[in-house]
Amino acid sequence: MQQQQQQRRMLTAALLAFIFLLAAVSTTEAGKKEKPEKKAKKSDCGEWQWSVCVPTSGDCGLGTREGTRTGAECKQTTKTQKCKIPCNWKKQFGAECKYQFQAWGECDLNTALKTRTGNLKRALHNADCQKTVTISKPCGKLTKPKPQESKKKKKEGKKQEKMLD
């Protein structure tokens, strides 16, 4: 009989502990306030418009660019941002435009120039770049290669001259 009473007491204590735990959790949840949804701010600020990147020194490397936007309620209407111009890009098409170039074409005998086309690969900072560009360069000297035998004869002639000296 004593054993049954002891079991009832333990069961009652466990049940009370469980009820206490449930009450504690529900009051914690009730205490939390639901956050009101943030209202979308209506702003008359325009999009940032950026200038081209201007290198700090030289024609490539680290530099800065200026950004502006309009709007009566804008806290900031101008700002400066750091930027970088890769030194291996063809700058004649804009320092912020990267092109993938095809192989050089054949030499045009009328103009003595050869050309190749480049397709836009990447534009930094939303730069306004041409989709395709064409570049030209001089063909260089158009000479026929000298036969190897003439070089051998020259070397032999020099050897004979040394022997005579």
N, C-alpha and C. Protein backbone atom coordinates (compact mmCIF):
# COMPACT_ATOMS: atom_id res chain seq x y z
N MET A 1 0.80 -1.18 0.00
CA MET A 1 0.00 0.00 0.00
C MET A 1 0.86 1.26 0.00
N GLN A 2 1.89 1.23 0.78
CA GLN A 2 2.78 2.38 0.84
C GLN A 2 3.46 2.59 -0.52
N GLN A 3 3.74 1.51 -1.15
CA GLN A 3 4.39 1.60 -2.45
C GLN A 3 3.47 2.26 -3.48
N GLN A 4 2.19 1.95 -3.44
CA GLN A 4 1.22 2.54 -4.35
C GLN A 4 1.08 4.04 -4.09
N GLN A 5 1.08 4.43 -2.84
CA GLN A 5 0.97 5.85 -2.49
C GLN A 5 2.20 6.62 -2.99
N GLN A 6 3.33 5.98 -2.85
CA GLN A 6 4.56 6.62 -3.28
C GLN A 6 4.55 6.81 -4.81
N GLN A 7 4.05 5.81 -5.52
CA GLN A 7 3.96 5.91 -6.98
C GLN A 7 2.99 7.00 -7.39
N ARG A 8 1.86 7.13 -6.67
CA ARG A 8 0.88 8.17 -6.96
C ARG A 8 1.48 9.55 -6.74
N ARG A 9 2.25 9.69 -5.66
CA ARG A 9 2.88 10.98 -5.36
C ARG A 9 3.87 11.36 -6.49
N MET A 10 4.64 10.37 -6.93
CA MET A 10 5.61 10.64 -7.99
C MET A 10 4.89 11.00 -9.30
N LEU A 11 3.81 10.26 -9.57
CA LEU A 11 3.04 10.55 -10.78
C LEU A 11 2.41 11.94 -10.69
N THR A 12 1.89 12.29 -9.54
CA THR A 12 1.28 13.61 -9.33
C THR A 12 2.34 14.69 -9.48
N ALA A 13 3.53 14.48 -8.92
CA ALA A 13 4.61 15.46 -9.00
C ALA A 13 5.04 15.64 -10.47
N ALA A 14 5.17 14.56 -11.22
CA ALA A 14 5.56 14.64 -12.62
C ALA A 14 4.49 15.37 -13.42
N LEU A 15 3.22 15.08 -13.14
CA LEU A 15 2.12 15.74 -13.84
C LEU A 15 2.12 17.24 -13.54
N LEU A 16 2.35 17.60 -12.28
CA LEU A 16 2.39 19.03 -11.90
C LEU A 16 3.58 19.73 -12.59
N ALA A 17 4.72 19.06 -12.65
CA ALA A 17 5.90 19.64 -13.30
C ALA A 17 5.62 19.87 -14.79
N PHE A 18 4.94 18.91 -15.42
CA PHE A 18 4.60 19.03 -16.82
C PHE A 18 3.66 20.21 -17.07
N ILE A 19 2.65 20.35 -16.21
CA ILE A 19 1.68 21.45 -16.33
C ILE A 19 2.39 22.79 -16.13
N PHE A 20 3.30 22.84 -15.14
CA PHE A 20 4.04 24.06 -14.89
C PHE A 20 4.88 24.45 -16.11
N LEU A 21 5.50 23.45 -16.73
CA LEU A 21 6.32 23.69 -17.92
C LEU A 21 5.47 24.23 -19.06
N LEU A 22 4.32 23.64 -19.28
CA LEU A 22 3.42 24.12 -20.34
C LEU A 22 2.99 25.55 -20.09
N ALA A 23 2.70 25.89 -18.86
CA ALA A 23 2.27 27.25 -18.52
C ALA A 23 3.39 28.24 -18.78
N ALA A 24 4.61 27.85 -18.44
CA ALA A 24 5.75 28.74 -18.63
C ALA A 24 5.99 29.00 -20.12
N VAL A 25 5.90 27.98 -20.94
CA VAL A 25 6.11 28.14 -22.37
C VAL A 25 5.03 29.01 -22.99
N SER A 26 3.80 28.80 -22.62
CA SER A 26 2.70 29.57 -23.22
C SER A 26 2.77 31.04 -22.82
N THR A 27 3.20 31.36 -21.60
CA THR A 27 3.31 32.77 -21.22
C THR A 27 4.49 33.42 -21.94
N THR A 28 5.53 32.67 -22.21
CA THR A 28 6.66 33.22 -22.95
C THR A 28 6.24 33.55 -24.37
N GLU A 29 5.51 32.65 -25.00
CA GLU A 29 5.03 32.88 -26.36
C GLU A 29 4.04 34.04 -26.40
N ALA A 30 3.19 34.15 -25.37
CA ALA A 30 2.19 35.22 -25.34
C ALA A 30 2.86 36.57 -25.14
N GLY A 31 4.01 36.58 -24.46
CA GLY A 31 4.71 37.83 -24.19
C GLY A 31 5.38 38.41 -25.44
N LYS A 32 5.63 37.58 -26.42
CA LYS A 32 6.27 38.06 -27.64
C LYS A 32 5.27 38.83 -28.48
N LYS A 33 5.66 40.01 -28.87
CA LYS A 33 4.78 40.82 -29.71
C LYS A 33 5.09 40.50 -31.17
N GLU A 34 4.07 40.45 -31.94
CA GLU A 34 4.27 40.25 -33.37
C GLU A 34 4.76 41.57 -33.95
N LYS A 35 5.81 41.44 -34.76
CA LYS A 35 6.37 42.64 -35.37
C LYS A 35 5.47 43.09 -36.51
N PRO A 36 5.14 44.34 -36.51
CA PRO A 36 4.33 44.82 -37.63
C PRO A 36 5.17 44.78 -38.91
N GLU A 37 4.55 44.45 -40.00
CA GLU A 37 5.26 44.39 -41.28
C GLU A 37 5.73 45.79 -41.65
N LYS A 38 6.97 45.83 -42.11
CA LYS A 38 7.53 47.12 -42.50
C LYS A 38 6.81 47.61 -43.76
N LYS A 39 6.44 48.85 -43.70
CA LYS A 39 5.80 49.45 -44.86
C LYS A 39 6.88 49.82 -45.86
N ALA A 40 6.62 49.55 -47.09
CA ALA A 40 7.58 49.89 -48.14
C ALA A 40 7.72 51.40 -48.20
N LYS A 41 8.96 51.85 -48.07
CA LYS A 41 9.20 53.29 -48.13
C LYS A 41 9.04 53.76 -49.57
N LYS A 42 8.26 54.78 -49.72
CA LYS A 42 8.11 55.39 -51.03
C LYS A 42 9.15 56.48 -51.13
N SER A 43 10.05 56.30 -52.05
CA SER A 43 11.14 57.25 -52.20
C SER A 43 11.13 57.83 -53.60
N ASP A 44 11.45 59.09 -53.66
CA ASP A 44 11.53 59.71 -54.99
C ASP A 44 12.97 59.74 -55.47
N CYS A 45 13.87 59.02 -54.76
CA CYS A 45 15.27 58.97 -55.18
C CYS A 45 15.41 58.14 -56.45
N GLY A 46 16.12 58.69 -57.39
CA GLY A 46 16.36 57.98 -58.64
C GLY A 46 17.48 56.95 -58.49
N GLU A 47 17.70 56.19 -59.53
CA GLU A 47 18.78 55.22 -59.55
C GLU A 47 20.12 55.96 -59.62
N TRP A 48 21.16 55.33 -59.08
CA TRP A 48 22.49 55.91 -59.16
C TRP A 48 22.97 55.89 -60.60
N GLN A 49 23.52 56.98 -61.04
CA GLN A 49 24.15 57.09 -62.36
C GLN A 49 25.64 57.27 -62.12
N TRP A 50 26.46 56.38 -62.69
CA TRP A 50 27.89 56.38 -62.41
C TRP A 50 28.71 56.89 -63.58
N SER A 51 29.76 57.63 -63.25
CA SER A 51 30.72 58.06 -64.27
C SER A 51 31.67 56.91 -64.56
N VAL A 52 32.52 57.08 -65.55
CA VAL A 52 33.52 56.05 -65.84
C VAL A 52 34.58 56.07 -64.73
N CYS A 53 35.25 54.96 -64.58
CA CYS A 53 36.32 54.84 -63.59
C CYS A 53 37.52 55.65 -64.05
N VAL A 54 38.05 56.49 -63.16
CA VAL A 54 39.22 57.31 -63.48
C VAL A 54 40.37 56.82 -62.61
N PRO A 55 41.42 56.27 -63.25
CA PRO A 55 42.55 55.75 -62.46
C PRO A 55 43.24 56.84 -61.66
N THR A 56 43.73 56.46 -60.50
CA THR A 56 44.44 57.41 -59.64
C THR A 56 45.74 57.85 -60.30
N SER A 57 46.44 56.91 -60.94
CA SER A 57 47.66 57.27 -61.67
C SER A 57 47.78 56.36 -62.89
N GLY A 58 48.30 56.88 -63.98
CA GLY A 58 48.43 56.11 -65.20
C GLY A 58 47.09 55.92 -65.90
N ASP A 59 47.01 54.86 -66.72
CA ASP A 59 45.76 54.61 -67.44
C ASP A 59 45.07 53.32 -67.00
N CYS A 60 45.55 52.71 -65.90
CA CYS A 60 44.88 51.52 -65.37
C CYS A 60 45.19 51.38 -63.89
N GLY A 61 44.57 50.42 -63.25
CA GLY A 61 44.78 50.20 -61.83
C GLY A 61 43.65 50.79 -61.00
N LEU A 62 43.92 51.05 -59.72
CA LEU A 62 42.90 51.58 -58.81
C LEU A 62 42.54 53.01 -59.16
N GLY A 63 41.27 53.34 -58.94
CA GLY A 63 40.79 54.68 -59.22
C GLY A 63 39.47 54.93 -58.50
N THR A 64 38.76 55.95 -58.94
CA THR A 64 37.46 56.29 -58.36
C THR A 64 36.48 56.65 -59.47
N ARG A 65 35.20 56.58 -59.11
CA ARG A 65 34.15 57.03 -60.01
C ARG A 65 33.09 57.72 -59.18
N GLU A 66 32.39 58.66 -59.80
CA GLU A 66 31.40 59.49 -59.12
C GLU A 66 30.00 58.99 -59.44
N GLY A 67 29.15 58.96 -58.42
CA GLY A 67 27.76 58.58 -58.61
C GLY A 67 26.84 59.71 -58.22
N THR A 68 25.75 59.89 -58.97
CA THR A 68 24.77 60.93 -58.65
C THR A 68 23.37 60.34 -58.80
N ARG A 69 22.43 60.90 -58.05
CA ARG A 69 21.01 60.58 -58.20
C ARG A 69 20.20 61.79 -57.79
N THR A 70 18.97 61.83 -58.25
CA THR A 70 18.12 62.99 -57.98
C THR A 70 16.97 62.59 -57.06
N GLY A 71 16.40 63.59 -56.42
CA GLY A 71 15.24 63.37 -55.55
C GLY A 71 15.27 64.34 -54.39
N ALA A 72 14.11 64.92 -54.07
CA ALA A 72 14.03 65.94 -53.01
C ALA A 72 14.26 65.33 -51.63
N GLU A 73 13.85 64.07 -51.41
CA GLU A 73 13.96 63.46 -50.09
C GLU A 73 15.19 62.56 -49.95
N CYS A 74 16.08 62.58 -50.92
CA CYS A 74 17.28 61.74 -50.85
C CYS A 74 18.24 62.30 -49.82
N LYS A 75 18.74 61.43 -48.95
CA LYS A 75 19.72 61.87 -47.97
C LYS A 75 21.07 62.10 -48.64
N GLN A 76 21.35 61.32 -49.68
CA GLN A 76 22.63 61.42 -50.36
C GLN A 76 22.38 61.46 -51.87
N THR A 77 22.88 62.50 -52.51
CA THR A 77 22.68 62.63 -53.96
C THR A 77 23.96 62.45 -54.75
N THR A 78 25.12 62.47 -54.07
CA THR A 78 26.39 62.20 -54.74
C THR A 78 27.24 61.33 -53.83
N LYS A 79 28.03 60.47 -54.45
CA LYS A 79 29.01 59.72 -53.68
C LYS A 79 30.13 59.25 -54.60
N THR A 80 31.26 58.93 -53.99
CA THR A 80 32.44 58.47 -54.70
C THR A 80 32.67 57.01 -54.32
N GLN A 81 33.05 56.22 -55.32
CA GLN A 81 33.25 54.79 -55.09
C GLN A 81 34.61 54.39 -55.66
N LYS A 82 35.29 53.47 -54.98
CA LYS A 82 36.55 52.96 -55.50
C LYS A 82 36.26 52.00 -56.65
N CYS A 83 37.16 51.95 -57.61
CA CYS A 83 37.00 51.05 -58.75
C CYS A 83 38.38 50.64 -59.25
N LYS A 84 38.41 49.71 -60.17
CA LYS A 84 39.69 49.23 -60.71
C LYS A 84 39.56 48.98 -62.20
N ILE A 85 40.54 49.43 -62.95
CA ILE A 85 40.58 49.18 -64.39
C ILE A 85 41.70 48.18 -64.64
N PRO A 86 41.37 46.99 -65.14
CA PRO A 86 42.42 46.01 -65.42
C PRO A 86 43.41 46.57 -66.45
N CYS A 87 44.69 46.32 -66.22
CA CYS A 87 45.73 46.89 -67.09
C CYS A 87 45.87 46.16 -68.42
N ASN A 88 45.25 45.01 -68.58
CA ASN A 88 45.40 44.28 -69.84
C ASN A 88 44.22 44.47 -70.80
N TRP A 89 43.31 45.38 -70.50
CA TRP A 89 42.15 45.60 -71.36
C TRP A 89 42.49 46.61 -72.44
N LYS A 90 41.82 46.48 -73.59
CA LYS A 90 42.00 47.44 -74.69
C LYS A 90 41.24 48.72 -74.34
N LYS A 91 41.96 49.77 -74.02
CA LYS A 91 41.32 50.97 -73.51
C LYS A 91 40.72 51.87 -74.59
N GLN A 92 41.04 51.61 -75.86
CA GLN A 92 40.49 52.46 -76.91
C GLN A 92 38.97 52.30 -77.03
N PHE A 93 38.42 51.23 -76.46
CA PHE A 93 36.97 50.99 -76.53
C PHE A 93 36.28 51.32 -75.21
N GLY A 94 36.98 51.92 -74.29
CA GLY A 94 36.43 52.23 -72.98
C GLY A 94 37.10 51.33 -71.96
N ALA A 95 37.60 51.94 -70.92
CA ALA A 95 38.37 51.19 -69.93
C ALA A 95 37.51 50.20 -69.16
N GLU A 96 36.21 50.32 -69.22
CA GLU A 96 35.34 49.43 -68.46
C GLU A 96 34.67 48.38 -69.35
N CYS A 97 35.14 48.24 -70.59
CA CYS A 97 34.56 47.28 -71.54
C CYS A 97 35.60 46.22 -71.89
N LYS A 98 35.25 44.95 -71.72
CA LYS A 98 36.16 43.84 -72.02
C LYS A 98 35.62 43.07 -73.22
N TYR A 99 36.49 42.83 -74.21
CA TYR A 99 36.09 42.15 -75.44
C TYR A 99 36.86 40.86 -75.65
N GLN A 100 36.21 39.91 -76.27
CA GLN A 100 36.85 38.66 -76.69
C GLN A 100 37.14 38.81 -78.18
N PHE A 101 38.43 38.80 -78.55
CA PHE A 101 38.81 39.06 -79.93
C PHE A 101 39.07 37.77 -80.70
N GLN A 102 38.72 37.80 -81.99
CA GLN A 102 39.00 36.69 -82.89
C GLN A 102 40.45 36.81 -83.35
N ALA A 103 40.91 35.83 -84.11
CA ALA A 103 42.27 35.88 -84.65
C ALA A 103 42.38 37.00 -85.70
N TRP A 104 43.60 37.47 -85.92
CA TRP A 104 43.82 38.50 -86.92
C TRP A 104 43.50 37.95 -88.30
N GLY A 105 42.88 38.78 -89.13
CA GLY A 105 42.55 38.40 -90.50
C GLY A 105 43.77 38.54 -91.41
N GLU A 106 43.58 38.19 -92.65
CA GLU A 106 44.65 38.31 -93.65
C GLU A 106 44.95 39.78 -93.91
N CYS A 107 46.13 40.06 -94.39
CA CYS A 107 46.54 41.42 -94.69
C CYS A 107 45.82 41.91 -95.95
N ASP A 108 45.24 43.11 -95.87
CA ASP A 108 44.63 43.75 -97.03
C ASP A 108 45.75 44.49 -97.76
N LEU A 109 46.08 44.03 -98.95
CA LEU A 109 47.20 44.62 -99.69
C LEU A 109 46.94 46.07 -100.11
N ASN A 110 45.67 46.45 -100.23
CA ASN A 110 45.34 47.84 -100.61
C ASN A 110 45.63 48.81 -99.47
N THR A 111 45.33 48.41 -98.24
CA THR A 111 45.51 49.30 -97.09
C THR A 111 46.73 48.95 -96.26
N ALA A 112 47.32 47.78 -96.48
CA ALA A 112 48.44 47.27 -95.69
C ALA A 112 48.07 47.12 -94.21
N LEU A 113 46.79 46.79 -93.97
CA LEU A 113 46.30 46.59 -92.61
C LEU A 113 45.65 45.22 -92.49
N LYS A 114 45.71 44.67 -91.28
CA LYS A 114 44.93 43.47 -90.99
C LYS A 114 43.99 43.82 -89.84
N THR A 115 42.84 43.19 -89.80
CA THR A 115 41.81 43.54 -88.81
C THR A 115 41.34 42.31 -88.06
N ARG A 116 40.69 42.57 -86.94
CA ARG A 116 40.00 41.52 -86.18
C ARG A 116 38.84 42.13 -85.43
N THR A 117 37.86 41.29 -85.12
CA THR A 117 36.63 41.73 -84.46
C THR A 117 36.60 41.22 -83.03
N GLY A 118 36.05 42.04 -82.15
CA GLY A 118 35.89 41.64 -80.75
C GLY A 118 34.43 41.73 -80.36
N ASN A 119 33.95 40.73 -79.60
CA ASN A 119 32.58 40.73 -79.08
C ASN A 119 32.62 41.07 -77.59
N LEU A 120 31.66 41.85 -77.14
CA LEU A 120 31.62 42.27 -75.74
C LEU A 120 31.54 41.05 -74.83
N LYS A 121 32.48 40.97 -73.91
CA LYS A 121 32.52 39.86 -72.97
C LYS A 121 31.99 40.30 -71.60
N ARG A 122 32.35 41.54 -71.19
CA ARG A 122 31.96 42.02 -69.86
C ARG A 122 32.03 43.55 -69.82
N ALA A 123 31.06 44.15 -69.15
CA ALA A 123 31.05 45.60 -68.95
C ALA A 123 31.06 45.86 -67.45
N LEU A 124 32.07 46.56 -66.98
CA LEU A 124 32.16 46.89 -65.56
C LEU A 124 31.23 48.04 -65.21
N HIS A 125 30.65 47.99 -64.05
CA HIS A 125 29.85 49.10 -63.50
C HIS A 125 28.76 49.57 -64.45
N ASN A 126 28.12 48.65 -65.14
CA ASN A 126 27.04 48.97 -66.09
C ASN A 126 27.49 49.99 -67.13
N ALA A 127 28.72 49.87 -67.57
CA ALA A 127 29.25 50.79 -68.59
C ALA A 127 28.50 50.62 -69.90
N ASP A 128 28.41 51.69 -70.67
CA ASP A 128 27.76 51.67 -71.97
C ASP A 128 28.81 51.26 -73.00
N CYS A 129 28.80 49.99 -73.41
CA CYS A 129 29.81 49.45 -74.31
C CYS A 129 29.18 49.02 -75.63
N GLN A 130 29.98 49.10 -76.70
CA GLN A 130 29.54 48.61 -78.00
C GLN A 130 29.50 47.08 -77.95
N LYS A 131 28.55 46.48 -78.64
CA LYS A 131 28.43 45.01 -78.65
C LYS A 131 29.59 44.36 -79.40
N THR A 132 30.00 44.95 -80.52
CA THR A 132 31.13 44.44 -81.28
C THR A 132 32.02 45.61 -81.70
N VAL A 133 33.32 45.36 -81.77
CA VAL A 133 34.28 46.38 -82.18
C VAL A 133 35.25 45.74 -83.18
N THR A 134 35.85 46.57 -84.00
CA THR A 134 36.85 46.11 -84.97
C THR A 134 38.11 46.93 -84.80
N ILE A 135 39.25 46.26 -84.77
CA ILE A 135 40.52 46.97 -84.67
C ILE A 135 41.40 46.58 -85.85
N SER A 136 42.31 47.47 -86.18
CA SER A 136 43.23 47.24 -87.30
C SER A 136 44.64 47.54 -86.85
N LYS A 137 45.60 46.92 -87.53
CA LYS A 137 47.00 47.23 -87.29
C LYS A 137 47.78 46.98 -88.57
N PRO A 138 48.94 47.61 -88.70
CA PRO A 138 49.74 47.41 -89.91
C PRO A 138 50.14 45.95 -90.05
N CYS A 139 50.23 45.52 -91.28
CA CYS A 139 50.59 44.12 -91.55
C CYS A 139 52.02 43.81 -91.19
N GLY A 140 52.88 44.78 -91.24
CA GLY A 140 54.30 44.50 -91.02
C GLY A 140 54.97 44.25 -92.36
N LYS A 141 56.24 43.90 -92.33
CA LYS A 141 56.99 43.67 -93.56
C LYS A 141 56.57 42.35 -94.18
N LEU A 142 56.32 42.39 -95.46
CA LEU A 142 55.97 41.17 -96.20
C LEU A 142 57.22 40.72 -96.95
N THR A 143 58.06 39.96 -96.29
CA THR A 143 59.28 39.48 -96.92
C THR A 143 59.23 37.97 -97.01
N LYS A 144 59.92 37.46 -98.01
CA LYS A 144 59.99 36.01 -98.17
C LYS A 144 61.07 35.49 -97.23
N PRO A 145 60.83 34.34 -96.62
CA PRO A 145 61.85 33.79 -95.72
C PRO A 145 63.09 33.39 -96.52
N LYS A 146 64.25 33.62 -95.93
CA LYS A 146 65.51 33.27 -96.59
C LYS A 146 65.74 31.77 -96.47
N PRO A 147 66.27 31.17 -97.51
CA PRO A 147 66.56 29.74 -97.42
C PRO A 147 67.67 29.47 -96.40
N GLN A 148 67.62 28.32 -95.77
CA GLN A 148 68.58 27.95 -94.73
C GLN A 148 70.00 27.80 -95.28
N GLU A 149 70.14 27.44 -96.54
CA GLU A 149 71.45 27.21 -97.12
C GLU A 149 72.31 28.47 -97.11
N SER A 150 71.71 29.62 -97.33
CA SER A 150 72.48 30.85 -97.37
C SER A 150 73.10 31.15 -96.01
N LYS A 151 72.39 30.80 -94.90
CA LYS A 151 72.94 31.02 -93.56
C LYS A 151 74.16 30.13 -93.34
N LYS A 152 74.06 28.89 -93.83
CA LYS A 152 75.18 27.97 -93.66
C LYS A 152 76.41 28.48 -94.41
N LYS A 153 76.22 29.00 -95.60
CA LYS A 153 77.33 29.51 -96.40
C LYS A 153 78.00 30.68 -95.70
N LYS A 154 77.17 31.57 -95.08
CA LYS A 154 77.73 32.73 -94.38
C LYS A 154 78.59 32.28 -93.21
N LYS A 155 78.09 31.26 -92.45
CA LYS A 155 78.85 30.76 -91.30
C LYS A 155 80.17 30.15 -91.75
N GLU A 156 80.13 29.40 -92.83
CA GLU A 156 81.36 28.78 -93.34
C GLU A 156 82.35 29.84 -93.79
N GLY A 157 81.86 30.90 -94.43
CA GLY A 157 82.71 32.00 -94.86
C GLY A 157 83.38 32.69 -93.69
N LYS A 158 82.65 32.88 -92.59
CA LYS A 158 83.22 33.52 -91.40
C LYS A 158 84.30 32.64 -90.78
N LYS A 159 84.06 31.33 -90.78
CA LYS A 159 85.05 30.40 -90.22
C LYS A 159 86.35 30.48 -91.02
N GLN A 160 86.24 30.54 -92.34
CA GLN A 160 87.42 30.60 -93.19
C GLN A 160 88.17 31.91 -92.97
N GLU A 161 87.44 33.01 -92.77
CA GLU A 161 88.08 34.29 -92.52
C GLU A 161 88.89 34.25 -91.23
N LYS A 162 88.36 33.60 -90.21
CA LYS A 162 89.04 33.52 -88.92
C LYS A 162 90.33 32.69 -89.07
N MET A 163 90.24 31.65 -89.89
CA MET A 163 91.42 30.78 -90.06
C MET A 163 92.54 31.53 -90.78
N LEU A 164 92.17 32.42 -91.69
CA LEU A 164 93.16 33.17 -92.43
C LEU A 164 93.85 34.23 -91.59
N ASP A 165 93.12 34.74 -90.59
CA ASP A 165 93.68 35.80 -89.75
C ASP A 165 94.80 35.33 -88.92
